[in-house]
Amino acid sequence: MNNSAGIYLEGAIEDMSEEQIAAVLDINVKGTYYLSQAAVPLLKKSQGNIVNVASDAGLHGNYYCSLYCASKGAVVMFTKALALELAGFGVRVNAIAPGDILTPLTEKQLAASPDREAALREMASVYPLGRIGTPQEAAAAIKFLADVEAGFITGTILSVDGGLTA
């Protein structure tokens, strides 16, 4: 099972409304929790696994991003705690922590800039590999963690971030 729903919101802490806080926490944290909760009985029977999608922002802080960082940090700790809770049932729980990935969400961010290509170069400049990731690269990491060949991996947060958190 893959938990990948999420929303991104930037802004200063004093500018966040109650509605914005609720939306980020409801989708990023509660959505991950409730989907896992619903799947656990079936996963115990099948000895399946969960791969959550956290973020590099759940591993380190970002400027004007405290709400999003808190939500993805919660996904990181939830992944680790649930991995311990379900290990005795043969259920593995892992997560990926991607950096910027060229998804529709990222495209929306880039579209807000007057010069998309300049914004993309600036976004990529912080990554040691000199670019942002592709959806295929994030999917490959999820596929790996879900595969039986990763059968001895649980509680891991796999950075898929071009070296950003190295």
C-alpha atoms as a PDB file:
ATOM      1  CA  MET A   1       0.000   0.000   0.000  1.00  0.00           C
ATOM      2  CA  ASN A   2       1.291   3.477  -0.877  1.00  0.00           C
ATOM      3  CA  ASN A   3       0.246   6.634   1.015  1.00  0.00           C
ATOM      4  CA  SER A   4       1.070   9.524  -1.270  1.00  0.00           C
ATOM      5  CA  ALA A   5      -1.636  12.173  -0.878  1.00  0.00           C
ATOM      6  CA  GLY A   6      -0.321  15.487   0.289  1.00  0.00           C
ATOM      7  CA  ILE A   7      -0.523  19.232  -0.030  1.00  0.00           C
ATOM      8  CA  TYR A   8       2.221  21.848   0.198  1.00  0.00           C
ATOM      9  CA  LEU A   9       1.822  25.272   1.736  1.00  0.00           C
ATOM     10  CA  GLU A  10       4.443  27.928   2.427  1.00  0.00           C
ATOM     11  CA  GLY A  11       4.098  30.942   4.656  1.00  0.00           C
ATOM     12  CA  ALA A  12       5.142  32.554   7.883  1.00  0.00           C
ATOM     13  CA  ILE A  13       3.713  30.966  11.008  1.00  0.00           C
ATOM     14  CA  GLU A  14       1.817  34.123  11.946  1.00  0.00           C
ATOM     15  CA  ASP A  15       0.125  34.179   8.533  1.00  0.00           C
ATOM     16  CA  MET A  16      -1.307  30.640   8.698  1.00  0.00           C
ATOM     17  CA  SER A  17      -5.050  30.527   9.210  1.00  0.00           C
ATOM     18  CA  GLU A  18      -6.826  27.873  11.224  1.00  0.00           C
ATOM     19  CA  GLU A  19      -8.284  26.547   7.954  1.00  0.00           C
ATOM     20  CA  GLN A  20      -4.848  26.267   6.309  1.00  0.00           C
ATOM     21  CA  ILE A  21      -3.400  24.497   9.346  1.00  0.00           C
ATOM     22  CA  ALA A  22      -6.315  22.074   9.431  1.00  0.00           C
ATOM     23  CA  ALA A  23      -6.068  21.344   5.687  1.00  0.00           C
ATOM     24  CA  VAL A  24      -2.342  20.524   5.778  1.00  0.00           C
ATOM     25  CA  LEU A  25      -2.627  18.367   8.891  1.00  0.00           C
ATOM     26  CA  ASP A  26      -5.838  16.677   7.715  1.00  0.00           C
ATOM     27  CA  ILE A  27      -4.390  15.622   4.376  1.00  0.00           C
ATOM     28  CA  ASN A  28      -0.719  15.058   5.172  1.00  0.00           C
ATOM     29  CA  VAL A  29      -1.031  13.516   8.630  1.00  0.00           C
ATOM     30  CA  LYS A  30      -4.567  12.300   9.185  1.00  0.00           C
ATOM     31  CA  GLY A  31      -4.904  11.017   5.620  1.00  0.00           C
ATOM     32  CA  THR A  32      -1.770   8.898   6.021  1.00  0.00           C
ATOM     33  CA  TYR A  33      -2.896   7.682   9.434  1.00  0.00           C
ATOM     34  CA  TYR A  34      -6.462   6.795   8.474  1.00  0.00           C
ATOM     35  CA  LEU A  35      -5.509   5.003   5.255  1.00  0.00           C
ATOM     36  CA  SER A  36      -2.946   2.948   7.152  1.00  0.00           C
ATOM     37  CA  GLN A  37      -5.442   2.228   9.910  1.00  0.00           C
ATOM     38  CA  ALA A  38      -7.976   0.950   7.371  1.00  0.00           C
ATOM     39  CA  ALA A  39      -5.393  -1.209   5.571  1.00  0.00           C
ATOM     40  CA  VAL A  40      -3.728  -2.808   8.598  1.00  0.00           C
ATOM     41  CA  PRO A  41      -6.208  -5.686   9.082  1.00  0.00           C
ATOM     42  CA  LEU A  42      -5.726  -6.773   5.462  1.00  0.00           C
ATOM     43  CA  LEU A  43      -1.981  -6.216   5.581  1.00  0.00           C
ATOM     44  CA  LYS A  44      -1.698  -8.419   8.668  1.00  0.00           C
ATOM     45  CA  LYS A  45      -3.438 -11.228   6.774  1.00  0.00           C
ATOM     46  CA  SER A  46      -1.355 -10.789   3.616  1.00  0.00           C
ATOM     47  CA  GLN A  47       1.899  -9.727   5.317  1.00  0.00           C
ATOM     48  CA  GLY A  48       1.946  -6.796   2.924  1.00  0.00           C
ATOM     49  CA  ASN A  49       3.660  -3.487   3.443  1.00  0.00           C
ATOM     50  CA  ILE A  50       3.125   0.248   3.540  1.00  0.00           C
ATOM     51  CA  VAL A  51       5.248   2.869   1.804  1.00  0.00           C
ATOM     52  CA  ASN A  52       4.454   6.397   2.943  1.00  0.00           C
ATOM     53  CA  VAL A  53       5.529   9.548   1.145  1.00  0.00           C
ATOM     54  CA  ALA A  54       7.159  11.975   3.546  1.00  0.00           C
ATOM     55  CA  SER A  55       9.494  14.732   2.314  1.00  0.00           C
ATOM     56  CA  ASP A  56      12.998  16.064   2.746  1.00  0.00           C
ATOM     57  CA  ALA A  57      11.118  18.788   4.660  1.00  0.00           C
ATOM     58  CA  GLY A  58      10.236  16.140   7.245  1.00  0.00           C
ATOM     59  CA  LEU A  59      13.952  15.592   7.872  1.00  0.00           C
ATOM     60  CA  HIS A  60      15.158  19.186   8.061  1.00  0.00           C
ATOM     61  CA  GLY A  61      13.597  22.617   8.327  1.00  0.00           C
ATOM     62  CA  ASN A  62      12.803  24.916   5.421  1.00  0.00           C
ATOM     63  CA  TYR A  63      12.307  28.673   5.543  1.00  0.00           C
ATOM     64  CA  TYR A  64       8.650  29.727   5.832  1.00  0.00           C
ATOM     65  CA  CYS A  65       7.558  26.129   5.759  1.00  0.00           C
ATOM     66  CA  SER A  66       7.062  25.192   9.410  1.00  0.00           C
ATOM     67  CA  LEU A  67       3.544  23.817   8.919  1.00  0.00           C
ATOM     68  CA  TYR A  68       4.477  21.578   5.988  1.00  0.00           C
ATOM     69  CA  CYS A  69       7.687  20.466   7.742  1.00  0.00           C
ATOM     70  CA  ALA A  70       5.712  19.579  10.863  1.00  0.00           C
ATOM     71  CA  SER A  71       3.234  17.535   8.833  1.00  0.00           C
ATOM     72  CA  LYS A  72       5.913  15.590   6.969  1.00  0.00           C
ATOM     73  CA  GLY A  73       7.954  15.159  10.155  1.00  0.00           C
ATOM     74  CA  ALA A  74       4.853  13.535  11.613  1.00  0.00           C
ATOM     75  CA  VAL A  75       4.755  11.130   8.645  1.00  0.00           C
ATOM     76  CA  VAL A  76       8.416  10.238   9.283  1.00  0.00           C
ATOM     77  CA  MET A  77       7.824   9.428  12.963  1.00  0.00           C
ATOM     78  CA  PHE A  78       4.526   7.671  12.233  1.00  0.00           C
ATOM     79  CA  THR A  79       6.344   5.452   9.733  1.00  0.00           C
ATOM     80  CA  LYS A  80       9.004   4.486  12.275  1.00  0.00           C
ATOM     81  CA  ALA A  81       6.518   3.854  15.091  1.00  0.00           C
ATOM     82  CA  LEU A  82       4.120   1.866  12.909  1.00  0.00           C
ATOM     83  CA  ALA A  83       7.018  -0.226  11.582  1.00  0.00           C
ATOM     84  CA  LEU A  84       7.738  -1.328  15.142  1.00  0.00           C
ATOM     85  CA  GLU A  85       4.062  -1.914  15.907  1.00  0.00           C
ATOM     86  CA  LEU A  86       3.501  -4.126  12.860  1.00  0.00           C
ATOM     87  CA  ALA A  87       6.843  -5.935  12.584  1.00  0.00           C
ATOM     88  CA  GLY A  88       5.621  -8.831  14.710  1.00  0.00           C
ATOM     89  CA  PHE A  89       2.851  -9.408  12.175  1.00  0.00           C
ATOM     90  CA  GLY A  90       5.293  -9.535   9.257  1.00  0.00           C
ATOM     91  CA  VAL A  91       4.127  -6.164   7.946  1.00  0.00           C
ATOM     92  CA  ARG A  92       6.823  -3.741   6.848  1.00  0.00           C
ATOM     93  CA  VAL A  93       6.397   0.046   6.943  1.00  0.00           C
ATOM     94  CA  ASN A  94       8.781   2.418   5.178  1.00  0.00           C
ATOM     95  CA  ALA A  95       8.705   5.850   3.591  1.00  0.00           C
ATOM     96  CA  ILE A  96      10.440   7.841   0.937  1.00  0.00           C
ATOM     97  CA  ALA A  97      11.500  11.417   1.619  1.00  0.00           C
ATOM     98  CA  PRO A  98      11.654  13.090  -1.765  1.00  0.00           C
ATOM     99  CA  GLY A  99      13.058  16.489  -2.484  1.00  0.00           C
ATOM    100  CA  ASP A 100      11.517  18.512  -5.273  1.00  0.00           C
ATOM    101  CA  ILE A 101      10.005  16.210  -7.896  1.00  0.00           C
ATOM    102  CA  LEU A 102       8.658  17.519 -11.204  1.00  0.00           C
ATOM    103  CA  THR A 103       4.982  16.811 -10.474  1.00  0.00           C
ATOM    104  CA  PRO A 104       1.857  18.885 -11.166  1.00  0.00           C
ATOM    105  CA  LEU A 105       2.302  20.387  -7.683  1.00  0.00           C
ATOM    106  CA  THR A 106       5.828  21.542  -8.573  1.00  0.00           C
ATOM    107  CA  GLU A 107       4.657  22.742 -11.995  1.00  0.00           C
ATOM    108  CA  LYS A 108       2.054  24.899 -10.228  1.00  0.00           C
ATOM    109  CA  GLN A 109       4.843  26.453  -8.143  1.00  0.00           C
ATOM    110  CA  LEU A 110       6.943  27.065 -11.260  1.00  0.00           C
ATOM    111  CA  ALA A 111       3.988  28.517 -13.178  1.00  0.00           C
ATOM    112  CA  ALA A 112       3.624  31.226 -10.527  1.00  0.00           C
ATOM    113  CA  SER A 113       7.059  32.542 -11.508  1.00  0.00           C
ATOM    114  CA  PRO A 114       7.407  35.046 -14.366  1.00  0.00           C
ATOM    115  CA  ASP A 115      10.213  32.882 -15.826  1.00  0.00           C
ATOM    116  CA  ARG A 116       9.570  29.157 -15.393  1.00  0.00           C
ATOM    117  CA  GLU A 117      12.996  28.059 -16.647  1.00  0.00           C
ATOM    118  CA  ALA A 118      14.838  30.476 -14.344  1.00  0.00           C
ATOM    119  CA  ALA A 119      12.702  29.293 -11.411  1.00  0.00           C
ATOM    120  CA  LEU A 120      13.466  25.658 -12.282  1.00  0.00           C
ATOM    121  CA  ARG A 121      17.221  26.396 -12.444  1.00  0.00           C
ATOM    122  CA  GLU A 122      17.038  28.135  -9.067  1.00  0.00           C
ATOM    123  CA  MET A 123      15.087  25.220  -7.564  1.00  0.00           C
ATOM    124  CA  ALA A 124      17.611  22.722  -8.947  1.00  0.00           C
ATOM    125  CA  SER A 125      20.627  24.743  -7.777  1.00  0.00           C
ATOM    126  CA  VAL A 126      20.383  23.498  -4.174  1.00  0.00           C
ATOM    127  CA  TYR A 127      20.633  19.832  -5.185  1.00  0.00           C
ATOM    128  CA  PRO A 128      24.126  18.301  -5.356  1.00  0.00           C
ATOM    129  CA  LEU A 129      23.063  16.381  -8.489  1.00  0.00           C
ATOM    130  CA  GLY A 130      22.134  19.736 -10.058  1.00  0.00           C
ATOM    131  CA  ARG A 131      18.520  18.932 -10.913  1.00  0.00           C
ATOM    132  CA  ILE A 132      15.206  18.033  -9.361  1.00  0.00           C
ATOM    133  CA  GLY A 133      13.815  14.525  -9.438  1.00  0.00           C
ATOM    134  CA  THR A 134      11.348  12.860 -11.754  1.00  0.00           C
ATOM    135  CA  PRO A 135       8.137  11.074 -10.811  1.00  0.00           C
ATOM    136  CA  GLN A 136       9.683   7.894 -12.246  1.00  0.00           C
ATOM    137  CA  GLU A 137      12.598   8.125  -9.791  1.00  0.00           C
ATOM    138  CA  ALA A 138      10.269   8.540  -6.818  1.00  0.00           C
ATOM    139  CA  ALA A 139       8.105   5.660  -8.075  1.00  0.00           C
ATOM    140  CA  ALA A 140      11.178   3.434  -8.465  1.00  0.00           C
ATOM    141  CA  ALA A 141      12.089   4.048  -4.815  1.00  0.00           C
ATOM    142  CA  ILE A 142       8.541   3.173  -3.727  1.00  0.00           C
ATOM    143  CA  LYS A 143       8.598   0.064  -5.900  1.00  0.00           C
ATOM    144  CA  PHE A 144      11.901  -1.014  -4.371  1.00  0.00           C
ATOM    145  CA  LEU A 145      10.660  -0.598  -0.786  1.00  0.00           C
ATOM    146  CA  ALA A 146       7.441  -2.465  -1.599  1.00  0.00           C
ATOM    147  CA  ASP A 147       9.244  -5.357  -3.304  1.00  0.00           C
ATOM    148  CA  VAL A 148       9.882  -8.694  -1.587  1.00  0.00           C
ATOM    149  CA  GLU A 149      13.581  -8.145  -2.268  1.00  0.00           C
ATOM    150  CA  ALA A 150      13.428  -5.371   0.362  1.00  0.00           C
ATOM    151  CA  GLY A 151      11.931  -7.866   2.799  1.00  0.00           C
ATOM    152  CA  PHE A 152      14.398  -7.082   5.592  1.00  0.00           C
ATOM    153  CA  ILE A 153      13.819  -3.328   5.415  1.00  0.00           C
ATOM    154  CA  THR A 154      11.314  -1.733   7.763  1.00  0.00           C
ATOM    155  CA  GLY A 155      11.209   1.607   9.546  1.00  0.00           C
ATOM    156  CA  THR A 156      13.428   3.170   6.904  1.00  0.00           C
ATOM    157  CA  ILE A 157      13.064   6.651   5.479  1.00  0.00           C
ATOM    158  CA  LEU A 158      14.686   6.560   2.035  1.00  0.00           C
ATOM    159  CA  SER A 159      15.860   9.964   0.843  1.00  0.00           C
ATOM    160  CA  VAL A 160      15.120  10.520  -2.836  1.00  0.00           C
ATOM    161  CA  ASP A 161      16.563  13.990  -3.007  1.00  0.00           C
ATOM    162  CA  GLY A 162      19.596  14.254  -5.264  1.00  0.00           C
ATOM    163  CA  GLY A 163      21.883  14.459  -2.232  1.00  0.00           C
ATOM    164  CA  LEU A 164      20.117  17.385  -0.567  1.00  0.00           C
ATOM    165  CA  THR A 165      20.106  15.792   2.897  1.00  0.00           C
ATOM    166  CA  ALA A 166      23.467  14.038   2.554  1.00  0.00           C
END
